[in-house]
Amino acid sequence: MVIKKLTSSLYAERLLKQVIDNSEATDWDSAVLEWDITDWDEDYYLETSCLCGKENLRYLFTITNRENGNRLEPIGSQCIKKFERKDLNEKTAIYEKLFKLKAALSENKYIGLSSEFFSRRLLDFFFEQEVYSIGELNFLKKMFNKKDKSKITDKQQRKINYHIISQIIPYLRDTLS
């Protein structure tokens, strides 16, 4: 049962209490269905604590209850995973990739179309944010999915670089600044 698994630590008990106290539902399984991620940030200095009490968070999220408008913040990605909702897990994974892209950008690292920085879901996210068209999404996914990256032609690599440099990086600069 989820509640037994959750209440195995003081942190989990605090999370459970906060979520249920701020939900319309009175049980964990129903309460977790009321929440959405509505904001996210990064603490480079690891000075923030989760609402459960866990310290030194890097990735900070705000969740909002769609039934009553209550907000809980900051909440860490590990606590969001305790909701055991695929949609929230995917969203936190996307935001963590975005944070890694931002860090690479600020450190002037080369950003290639690799699993270090991208995922299929992140490519979809950029499309949903209107960073590029459906045709460009399909091309990037096709290139991302290639098992043997050495088979990417010079022309394809230039096109990949174009999308990263002229579309994705400006989006990151505008969104994550």
N, C-alpha and C. Protein backbone atom coordinates (compact mmCIF):
# COMPACT_ATOMS: atom_id res chain seq x y z
N MET A 1 0.85 -1.18 0.00
CA MET A 1 0.00 0.00 0.00
C MET A 1 0.89 1.24 0.00
N VAL A 2 0.51 2.25 -0.73
CA VAL A 2 1.32 3.45 -0.91
C VAL A 2 1.57 4.18 0.41
N ILE A 3 0.58 4.31 1.26
CA ILE A 3 0.75 5.07 2.49
C ILE A 3 1.79 4.42 3.40
N LYS A 4 1.80 3.11 3.51
CA LYS A 4 2.81 2.45 4.34
C LYS A 4 4.20 2.73 3.79
N LYS A 5 4.33 2.66 2.47
CA LYS A 5 5.62 2.92 1.84
C LYS A 5 6.03 4.38 2.10
N LEU A 6 5.08 5.28 2.05
CA LEU A 6 5.38 6.70 2.24
C LEU A 6 5.75 7.03 3.68
N THR A 7 5.09 6.43 4.63
CA THR A 7 5.30 6.81 6.01
C THR A 7 6.49 6.11 6.64
N SER A 8 7.37 5.56 5.83
CA SER A 8 8.53 4.86 6.37
C SER A 8 9.61 5.83 6.85
N SER A 9 9.48 7.12 6.57
CA SER A 9 10.45 8.09 7.04
C SER A 9 9.73 9.35 7.51
N LEU A 10 10.44 10.11 8.32
CA LEU A 10 9.88 11.37 8.81
C LEU A 10 9.61 12.32 7.64
N TYR A 11 10.51 12.34 6.66
CA TYR A 11 10.32 13.19 5.48
C TYR A 11 9.02 12.82 4.76
N ALA A 12 8.81 11.52 4.57
CA ALA A 12 7.62 11.06 3.87
C ALA A 12 6.36 11.38 4.65
N GLU A 13 6.42 11.25 5.98
CA GLU A 13 5.27 11.58 6.82
C GLU A 13 4.92 13.06 6.70
N ARG A 14 5.96 13.92 6.68
CA ARG A 14 5.72 15.37 6.52
C ARG A 14 5.09 15.67 5.17
N LEU A 15 5.60 15.03 4.12
CA LEU A 15 5.03 15.21 2.78
C LEU A 15 3.57 14.79 2.76
N LEU A 16 3.29 13.60 3.26
CA LEU A 16 1.93 13.07 3.30
C LEU A 16 0.99 14.04 4.00
N LYS A 17 1.41 14.55 5.15
CA LYS A 17 0.56 15.49 5.92
C LYS A 17 0.33 16.77 5.13
N GLN A 18 1.37 17.34 4.56
CA GLN A 18 1.23 18.59 3.80
C GLN A 18 0.28 18.42 2.62
N VAL A 19 0.45 17.34 1.88
CA VAL A 19 -0.37 17.11 0.69
C VAL A 19 -1.82 16.89 1.08
N ILE A 20 -2.07 16.02 2.04
CA ILE A 20 -3.46 15.74 2.43
C ILE A 20 -4.11 16.96 3.09
N ASP A 21 -3.36 17.68 3.94
CA ASP A 21 -3.91 18.88 4.58
C ASP A 21 -4.28 19.96 3.57
N ASN A 22 -3.64 19.97 2.42
CA ASN A 22 -3.89 21.00 1.42
C ASN A 22 -4.69 20.50 0.22
N SER A 23 -5.26 19.31 0.35
CA SER A 23 -6.07 18.72 -0.72
C SER A 23 -7.53 18.68 -0.30
N GLU A 24 -8.39 18.50 -1.27
CA GLU A 24 -9.80 18.27 -0.99
C GLU A 24 -10.00 16.82 -0.54
N ALA A 25 -9.28 15.91 -1.16
CA ALA A 25 -9.35 14.49 -0.80
C ALA A 25 -8.72 14.28 0.58
N THR A 26 -9.14 13.24 1.25
CA THR A 26 -8.62 12.97 2.59
C THR A 26 -7.72 11.74 2.64
N ASP A 27 -7.50 11.11 1.49
CA ASP A 27 -6.58 9.97 1.45
C ASP A 27 -5.50 10.24 0.40
N TRP A 28 -4.33 9.65 0.61
CA TRP A 28 -3.17 9.90 -0.24
C TRP A 28 -3.44 9.59 -1.70
N ASP A 29 -3.99 8.40 -1.98
CA ASP A 29 -4.18 7.97 -3.37
C ASP A 29 -5.05 8.94 -4.16
N SER A 30 -6.03 9.53 -3.53
CA SER A 30 -6.89 10.51 -4.21
C SER A 30 -6.26 11.90 -4.21
N ALA A 31 -5.62 12.25 -3.11
CA ALA A 31 -5.04 13.60 -2.99
C ALA A 31 -3.97 13.86 -4.04
N VAL A 32 -3.13 12.88 -4.33
CA VAL A 32 -2.03 13.10 -5.28
C VAL A 32 -2.54 13.40 -6.68
N LEU A 33 -3.76 13.03 -6.97
CA LEU A 33 -4.32 13.27 -8.31
C LEU A 33 -4.76 14.72 -8.50
N GLU A 34 -4.79 15.50 -7.44
CA GLU A 34 -5.26 16.89 -7.50
C GLU A 34 -4.16 17.88 -7.85
N TRP A 35 -2.90 17.45 -7.91
CA TRP A 35 -1.77 18.37 -7.97
C TRP A 35 -1.09 18.40 -9.33
N ASP A 36 -0.63 19.61 -9.70
CA ASP A 36 0.13 19.81 -10.93
C ASP A 36 1.37 20.65 -10.62
N ILE A 37 2.44 20.43 -11.37
CA ILE A 37 3.63 21.28 -11.25
C ILE A 37 3.32 22.58 -11.97
N THR A 38 3.48 23.70 -11.27
CA THR A 38 3.16 24.99 -11.87
C THR A 38 4.34 25.94 -11.94
N ASP A 39 5.44 25.60 -11.28
CA ASP A 39 6.64 26.44 -11.36
C ASP A 39 7.84 25.60 -10.98
N TRP A 40 9.00 26.07 -11.39
CA TRP A 40 10.24 25.33 -11.14
C TRP A 40 11.39 26.30 -11.14
N ASP A 41 12.42 25.95 -10.37
CA ASP A 41 13.59 26.81 -10.25
C ASP A 41 14.78 25.94 -9.84
N GLU A 42 15.94 26.55 -9.83
CA GLU A 42 17.15 25.83 -9.45
C GLU A 42 17.89 26.65 -8.41
N ASP A 43 18.36 25.97 -7.37
CA ASP A 43 19.16 26.61 -6.32
C ASP A 43 20.60 26.11 -6.48
N TYR A 44 21.42 26.93 -7.13
CA TYR A 44 22.81 26.56 -7.38
C TYR A 44 23.59 26.34 -6.09
N TYR A 45 23.19 27.04 -5.03
CA TYR A 45 23.94 27.00 -3.78
C TYR A 45 23.43 25.93 -2.81
N LEU A 46 22.38 25.23 -3.20
CA LEU A 46 21.81 24.14 -2.39
C LEU A 46 21.42 24.61 -0.99
N GLU A 47 20.82 25.79 -0.91
CA GLU A 47 20.45 26.38 0.38
C GLU A 47 18.98 26.17 0.74
N THR A 48 18.21 25.55 -0.13
CA THR A 48 16.77 25.43 0.06
C THR A 48 16.40 24.07 0.62
N SER A 49 15.38 24.06 1.45
CA SER A 49 14.85 22.81 2.01
C SER A 49 13.47 22.52 1.43
N CYS A 50 13.19 21.26 1.23
CA CYS A 50 11.89 20.80 0.74
C CYS A 50 10.85 21.00 1.85
N LEU A 51 9.61 21.07 1.47
CA LEU A 51 8.55 21.20 2.48
C LEU A 51 8.50 19.99 3.39
N CYS A 52 9.13 18.87 2.99
CA CYS A 52 9.20 17.68 3.85
C CYS A 52 10.31 17.80 4.89
N GLY A 53 11.21 18.78 4.68
CA GLY A 53 12.32 18.97 5.61
C GLY A 53 13.68 18.58 5.06
N LYS A 54 13.70 17.87 3.94
CA LYS A 54 14.99 17.49 3.36
C LYS A 54 15.73 18.75 2.90
N GLU A 55 17.01 18.80 3.24
CA GLU A 55 17.81 20.00 2.97
C GLU A 55 18.63 19.85 1.70
N ASN A 56 19.20 20.98 1.28
CA ASN A 56 20.16 21.03 0.17
C ASN A 56 19.56 20.64 -1.17
N LEU A 57 18.37 21.16 -1.46
CA LEU A 57 17.74 20.88 -2.75
C LEU A 57 18.39 21.70 -3.86
N ARG A 58 18.52 21.09 -5.00
CA ARG A 58 18.99 21.82 -6.19
C ARG A 58 17.81 22.19 -7.08
N TYR A 59 16.94 21.22 -7.34
CA TYR A 59 15.79 21.45 -8.20
C TYR A 59 14.56 21.68 -7.34
N LEU A 60 13.94 22.83 -7.52
CA LEU A 60 12.82 23.26 -6.70
C LEU A 60 11.55 23.36 -7.55
N PHE A 61 10.48 22.83 -7.04
CA PHE A 61 9.22 22.87 -7.76
C PHE A 61 8.13 23.46 -6.89
N THR A 62 7.13 24.02 -7.55
CA THR A 62 5.90 24.45 -6.89
C THR A 62 4.80 23.59 -7.48
N ILE A 63 3.97 23.05 -6.61
CA ILE A 63 2.81 22.30 -7.09
C ILE A 63 1.56 23.04 -6.63
N THR A 64 0.55 23.00 -7.49
CA THR A 64 -0.70 23.70 -7.20
C THR A 64 -1.84 22.70 -7.31
N ASN A 65 -2.74 22.80 -6.33
CA ASN A 65 -3.91 21.92 -6.31
C ASN A 65 -4.97 22.52 -7.22
N ARG A 66 -5.36 21.77 -8.24
CA ARG A 66 -6.33 22.29 -9.21
C ARG A 66 -7.76 22.33 -8.66
N GLU A 67 -7.99 21.67 -7.53
CA GLU A 67 -9.33 21.67 -6.93
C GLU A 67 -9.58 22.91 -6.06
N ASN A 68 -8.53 23.37 -5.36
CA ASN A 68 -8.75 24.48 -4.42
C ASN A 68 -7.73 25.61 -4.54
N GLY A 69 -6.77 25.47 -5.44
CA GLY A 69 -5.78 26.54 -5.66
C GLY A 69 -4.64 26.58 -4.66
N ASN A 70 -4.62 25.68 -3.68
CA ASN A 70 -3.52 25.67 -2.71
C ASN A 70 -2.21 25.37 -3.42
N ARG A 71 -1.15 26.02 -2.91
CA ARG A 71 0.19 25.82 -3.49
C ARG A 71 1.12 25.28 -2.41
N LEU A 72 1.98 24.37 -2.82
CA LEU A 72 3.01 23.85 -1.93
C LEU A 72 4.36 24.10 -2.58
N GLU A 73 5.26 24.70 -1.80
CA GLU A 73 6.60 25.00 -2.31
C GLU A 73 7.55 25.25 -1.17
N PRO A 74 8.81 25.05 -1.37
CA PRO A 74 9.39 24.28 -2.46
C PRO A 74 9.25 22.79 -2.18
N ILE A 75 9.14 22.07 -3.24
CA ILE A 75 9.08 20.61 -3.14
C ILE A 75 10.14 20.05 -4.09
N GLY A 76 10.87 19.08 -3.63
CA GLY A 76 11.93 18.49 -4.44
C GLY A 76 11.42 17.41 -5.37
N SER A 77 12.21 17.09 -6.37
CA SER A 77 11.81 16.09 -7.36
C SER A 77 11.63 14.72 -6.72
N GLN A 78 12.39 14.41 -5.67
CA GLN A 78 12.24 13.11 -5.01
C GLN A 78 10.87 12.99 -4.35
N CYS A 79 10.38 14.09 -3.78
CA CYS A 79 9.03 14.06 -3.19
C CYS A 79 7.97 13.97 -4.28
N ILE A 80 8.18 14.64 -5.39
CA ILE A 80 7.22 14.55 -6.49
C ILE A 80 7.14 13.12 -6.99
N LYS A 81 8.26 12.40 -6.99
CA LYS A 81 8.25 11.00 -7.43
C LYS A 81 7.39 10.14 -6.51
N LYS A 82 7.25 10.54 -5.26
CA LYS A 82 6.44 9.77 -4.31
C LYS A 82 4.94 9.82 -4.67
N PHE A 83 4.55 10.78 -5.53
CA PHE A 83 3.17 10.84 -5.99
C PHE A 83 2.85 9.66 -6.92
N GLU A 84 3.92 9.04 -7.46
CA GLU A 84 3.80 7.89 -8.35
C GLU A 84 2.86 8.17 -9.52
N ARG A 85 3.05 9.37 -10.12
CA ARG A 85 2.27 9.76 -11.30
C ARG A 85 3.23 9.93 -12.47
N LYS A 86 2.97 9.20 -13.53
CA LYS A 86 3.83 9.23 -14.71
C LYS A 86 3.96 10.64 -15.26
N ASP A 87 2.86 11.38 -15.33
CA ASP A 87 2.90 12.73 -15.91
C ASP A 87 3.80 13.66 -15.10
N LEU A 88 3.74 13.59 -13.79
CA LEU A 88 4.60 14.44 -12.95
C LEU A 88 6.06 14.00 -13.05
N ASN A 89 6.31 12.70 -13.10
CA ASN A 89 7.68 12.21 -13.25
C ASN A 89 8.28 12.66 -14.57
N GLU A 90 7.50 12.61 -15.65
CA GLU A 90 7.99 13.06 -16.95
C GLU A 90 8.30 14.56 -16.92
N LYS A 91 7.43 15.32 -16.27
CA LYS A 91 7.63 16.77 -16.21
C LYS A 91 8.88 17.12 -15.41
N THR A 92 9.10 16.46 -14.28
CA THR A 92 10.30 16.74 -13.51
C THR A 92 11.55 16.33 -14.29
N ALA A 93 11.47 15.23 -15.03
CA ALA A 93 12.62 14.80 -15.85
C ALA A 93 12.92 15.84 -16.93
N ILE A 94 11.88 16.40 -17.53
CA ILE A 94 12.08 17.46 -18.54
C ILE A 94 12.75 18.66 -17.91
N TYR A 95 12.26 19.10 -16.76
CA TYR A 95 12.83 20.28 -16.12
C TYR A 95 14.29 20.03 -15.70
N GLU A 96 14.59 18.84 -15.23
CA GLU A 96 15.97 18.53 -14.87
C GLU A 96 16.88 18.58 -16.10
N LYS A 97 16.41 18.09 -17.24
CA LYS A 97 17.19 18.20 -18.49
C LYS A 97 17.36 19.67 -18.86
N LEU A 98 16.31 20.47 -18.70
CA LEU A 98 16.41 21.90 -19.00
C LEU A 98 17.46 22.56 -18.11
N PHE A 99 17.49 22.20 -16.84
CA PHE A 99 18.50 22.76 -15.93
C PHE A 99 19.91 22.36 -16.39
N LYS A 100 20.07 21.11 -16.83
CA LYS A 100 21.39 20.66 -17.30
C LYS A 100 21.79 21.40 -18.58
N LEU A 101 20.84 21.63 -19.46
CA LEU A 101 21.12 22.40 -20.67
C LEU A 101 21.53 23.83 -20.30
N LYS A 102 20.81 24.40 -19.35
CA LYS A 102 21.13 25.77 -18.91
C LYS A 102 22.55 25.83 -18.33
N ALA A 103 22.89 24.85 -17.51
CA ALA A 103 24.23 24.82 -16.91
C ALA A 103 25.30 24.68 -18.00
N ALA A 104 25.07 23.81 -18.96
CA ALA A 104 26.03 23.63 -20.05
C ALA A 104 26.18 24.92 -20.85
N LEU A 105 25.07 25.60 -21.05
CA LEU A 105 25.09 26.86 -21.79
C LEU A 105 25.89 27.92 -21.04
N SER A 106 25.66 28.02 -19.74
CA SER A 106 26.38 29.02 -18.94
C SER A 106 27.87 28.70 -18.81
N GLU A 107 28.22 27.42 -18.95
CA GLU A 107 29.63 27.01 -18.89
C GLU A 107 30.27 26.93 -20.28
N ASN A 108 29.52 27.39 -21.30
CA ASN A 108 30.00 27.38 -22.69
C ASN A 108 30.41 25.99 -23.17
N LYS A 109 29.69 24.97 -22.71
CA LYS A 109 29.96 23.60 -23.16
C LYS A 109 29.28 23.37 -24.50
N TYR A 110 29.83 22.42 -25.24
CA TYR A 110 29.20 22.00 -26.49
C TYR A 110 27.92 21.25 -26.16
N ILE A 111 26.83 21.65 -26.79
CA ILE A 111 25.55 20.98 -26.58
C ILE A 111 25.22 20.21 -27.85
N GLY A 112 25.34 18.92 -27.76
CA GLY A 112 25.02 18.06 -28.90
C GLY A 112 23.70 17.35 -28.66
N LEU A 113 23.19 16.79 -29.72
CA LEU A 113 21.91 16.07 -29.64
C LEU A 113 22.15 14.67 -29.09
N SER A 114 22.44 14.62 -27.79
CA SER A 114 22.74 13.35 -27.14
C SER A 114 21.85 13.18 -25.91
N SER A 115 21.83 11.98 -25.37
CA SER A 115 21.00 11.71 -24.18
C SER A 115 21.54 12.42 -22.94
N GLU A 116 22.76 12.94 -23.02
CA GLU A 116 23.26 13.74 -21.90
C GLU A 116 22.38 14.97 -21.67
N PHE A 117 21.92 15.57 -22.75
CA PHE A 117 21.13 16.80 -22.65
C PHE A 117 19.68 16.66 -23.10
N PHE A 118 19.39 15.69 -23.95
CA PHE A 118 18.07 15.59 -24.55
C PHE A 118 17.41 14.25 -24.27
N SER A 119 16.11 14.24 -24.47
CA SER A 119 15.31 13.01 -24.44
C SER A 119 14.23 13.20 -25.49
N ARG A 120 13.58 12.13 -25.87
CA ARG A 120 12.47 12.25 -26.83
C ARG A 120 11.39 13.16 -26.27
N ARG A 121 11.13 13.00 -25.00
CA ARG A 121 10.09 13.82 -24.36
C ARG A 121 10.49 15.29 -24.34
N LEU A 122 11.77 15.60 -24.13
CA LEU A 122 12.22 16.99 -24.15
C LEU A 122 12.09 17.57 -25.55
N LEU A 123 12.40 16.79 -26.57
CA LEU A 123 12.21 17.27 -27.94
C LEU A 123 10.73 17.58 -28.19
N ASP A 124 9.84 16.72 -27.68
CA ASP A 124 8.39 16.99 -27.77
C ASP A 124 8.03 18.27 -27.02
N PHE A 125 8.62 18.46 -25.85
CA PHE A 125 8.36 19.65 -25.04
C PHE A 125 8.71 20.91 -25.83
N PHE A 126 9.88 20.92 -26.48
CA PHE A 126 10.26 22.09 -27.27
C PHE A 126 9.26 22.34 -28.40
N PHE A 127 8.76 21.29 -29.01
CA PHE A 127 7.74 21.45 -30.04
C PHE A 127 6.47 22.06 -29.43
N GLU A 128 6.05 21.54 -28.27
CA GLU A 128 4.85 22.06 -27.60
C GLU A 128 5.01 23.54 -27.23
N GLN A 129 6.25 23.95 -26.98
CA GLN A 129 6.54 25.35 -26.65
C GLN A 129 6.73 26.20 -27.91
N GLU A 130 6.50 25.58 -29.06
CA GLU A 130 6.60 26.24 -30.37
C GLU A 130 8.01 26.74 -30.68
N VAL A 131 9.01 25.98 -30.21
CA VAL A 131 10.40 26.30 -30.50
C VAL A 131 10.70 25.96 -31.96
N TYR A 132 10.08 24.91 -32.48
CA TYR A 132 10.26 24.51 -33.87
C TYR A 132 9.00 23.81 -34.36
N SER A 133 8.97 23.54 -35.67
CA SER A 133 7.79 22.95 -36.32
C SER A 133 7.77 21.43 -36.18
N ILE A 134 6.67 20.84 -36.61
CA ILE A 134 6.53 19.38 -36.55
C ILE A 134 7.56 18.70 -37.45
N GLY A 135 7.84 19.28 -38.59
CA GLY A 135 8.86 18.71 -39.48
C GLY A 135 10.23 18.71 -38.82
N GLU A 136 10.54 19.81 -38.13
CA GLU A 136 11.82 19.90 -37.44
C GLU A 136 11.88 18.92 -36.27
N LEU A 137 10.76 18.78 -35.56
CA LEU A 137 10.69 17.79 -34.48
C LEU A 137 10.96 16.39 -35.02
N ASN A 138 10.30 16.04 -36.11
CA ASN A 138 10.48 14.71 -36.69
C ASN A 138 11.94 14.47 -37.09
N PHE A 139 12.56 15.49 -37.70
CA PHE A 139 13.97 15.36 -38.08
C PHE A 139 14.85 15.16 -36.85
N LEU A 140 14.66 15.99 -35.81
CA LEU A 140 15.49 15.89 -34.61
C LEU A 140 15.30 14.54 -33.92
N LYS A 141 14.07 14.06 -33.87
CA LYS A 141 13.83 12.75 -33.26
C LYS A 141 14.50 11.64 -34.06
N LYS A 142 14.43 11.74 -35.38
CA LYS A 142 15.05 10.73 -36.23
C LYS A 142 16.56 10.70 -35.96
N MET A 143 17.18 11.86 -35.85
CA MET A 143 18.61 11.93 -35.60
C MET A 143 18.94 11.47 -34.18
N PHE A 144 18.11 11.86 -33.22
CA PHE A 144 18.31 11.46 -31.82
C PHE A 144 18.22 9.94 -31.69
N ASN A 145 17.31 9.33 -32.43
CA ASN A 145 17.07 7.89 -32.33
C ASN A 145 18.11 7.04 -33.03
N LYS A 146 18.97 7.65 -33.83
CA LYS A 146 19.99 6.86 -34.54
C LYS A 146 20.91 6.17 -33.53
N LYS A 147 21.00 4.88 -33.65
CA LYS A 147 21.87 4.12 -32.75
C LYS A 147 23.34 4.39 -33.06
N ASP A 148 23.65 4.47 -34.33
CA ASP A 148 25.03 4.72 -34.75
C ASP A 148 25.14 6.18 -35.19
N LYS A 149 25.56 7.03 -34.27
CA LYS A 149 25.65 8.48 -34.54
C LYS A 149 26.69 8.80 -35.60
N SER A 150 27.61 7.88 -35.86
CA SER A 150 28.62 8.13 -36.89
C SER A 150 28.00 8.13 -38.29
N LYS A 151 26.77 7.64 -38.40
CA LYS A 151 26.09 7.62 -39.70
C LYS A 151 25.34 8.92 -39.99
N ILE A 152 25.41 9.86 -39.06
CA ILE A 152 24.83 11.19 -39.31
C ILE A 152 25.76 11.91 -40.29
N THR A 153 25.19 12.35 -41.38
CA THR A 153 26.00 13.02 -42.40
C THR A 153 26.38 14.43 -41.94
N ASP A 154 27.36 15.02 -42.62
CA ASP A 154 27.75 16.41 -42.31
C ASP A 154 26.59 17.36 -42.49
N LYS A 155 25.81 17.15 -43.53
CA LYS A 155 24.64 18.01 -43.79
C LYS A 155 23.61 17.87 -42.65
N GLN A 156 23.36 16.64 -42.22
CA GLN A 156 22.43 16.42 -41.10
C GLN A 156 22.96 17.06 -39.82
N GLN A 157 24.27 16.94 -39.58
CA GLN A 157 24.86 17.53 -38.38
C GLN A 157 24.74 19.06 -38.41
N ARG A 158 24.95 19.66 -39.57
CA ARG A 158 24.78 21.12 -39.68
C ARG A 158 23.34 21.53 -39.37
N LYS A 159 22.40 20.72 -39.84
CA LYS A 159 20.99 21.01 -39.58
C LYS A 159 20.67 20.85 -38.08
N ILE A 160 21.20 19.82 -37.46
CA ILE A 160 21.03 19.63 -36.01
C ILE A 160 21.60 20.85 -35.27
N ASN A 161 22.84 21.23 -35.63
CA ASN A 161 23.47 22.38 -34.98
C ASN A 161 22.65 23.65 -35.17
N TYR A 162 22.11 23.82 -36.35
CA TYR A 162 21.26 24.99 -36.63
C TYR A 162 20.09 25.04 -35.65
N HIS A 163 19.40 23.92 -35.50
CA HIS A 163 18.23 23.89 -34.60
C HIS A 163 18.63 24.16 -33.15
N ILE A 164 19.74 23.59 -32.73
CA ILE A 164 20.18 23.81 -31.35
C ILE A 164 20.59 25.27 -31.15
N ILE A 165 21.40 25.80 -32.07
CA ILE A 165 21.94 27.15 -31.91
C ILE A 165 20.90 28.25 -32.14
N SER A 166 20.06 28.07 -33.16
CA SER A 166 19.16 29.17 -33.51
C SER A 166 17.76 29.05 -32.91
N GLN A 167 17.40 27.89 -32.37
CA GLN A 167 16.06 27.73 -31.82
C GLN A 167 16.07 27.34 -30.34
N ILE A 168 16.78 26.28 -30.02
CA ILE A 168 16.74 25.76 -28.64
C ILE A 168 17.50 26.68 -27.69
N ILE A 169 18.71 27.09 -28.04
CA ILE A 169 19.49 27.94 -27.15
C ILE A 169 18.80 29.29 -26.89
N PRO A 170 18.27 29.97 -27.91
CA PRO A 170 17.53 31.22 -27.61
C PRO A 170 16.32 30.99 -26.70
N TYR A 171 15.62 29.87 -26.90
CA TYR A 171 14.50 29.55 -26.01
C TYR A 171 14.99 29.39 -24.57
N LEU A 172 16.09 28.66 -24.40
CA LEU A 172 16.65 28.46 -23.06
C LEU A 172 17.05 29.79 -22.43
N ARG A 173 17.70 30.64 -23.19
CA ARG A 173 18.12 31.94 -22.66
C ARG A 173 16.92 32.77 -22.23
N ASP A 174 15.87 32.77 -23.04
CA ASP A 174 14.68 33.56 -22.71
C ASP A 174 13.91 32.99 -21.53
N THR A 175 13.82 31.68 -21.47
CA THR A 175 13.00 31.02 -20.46
C THR A 175 13.69 30.85 -19.13
N LEU A 176 14.95 30.55 -19.15
CA LEU A 176 15.65 30.19 -17.92
C LEU A 176 16.46 31.33 -17.31
N SER A 177 16.32 32.52 -17.84
CA SER A 177 17.11 33.64 -17.29
C SER A 177 16.46 34.24 -16.07
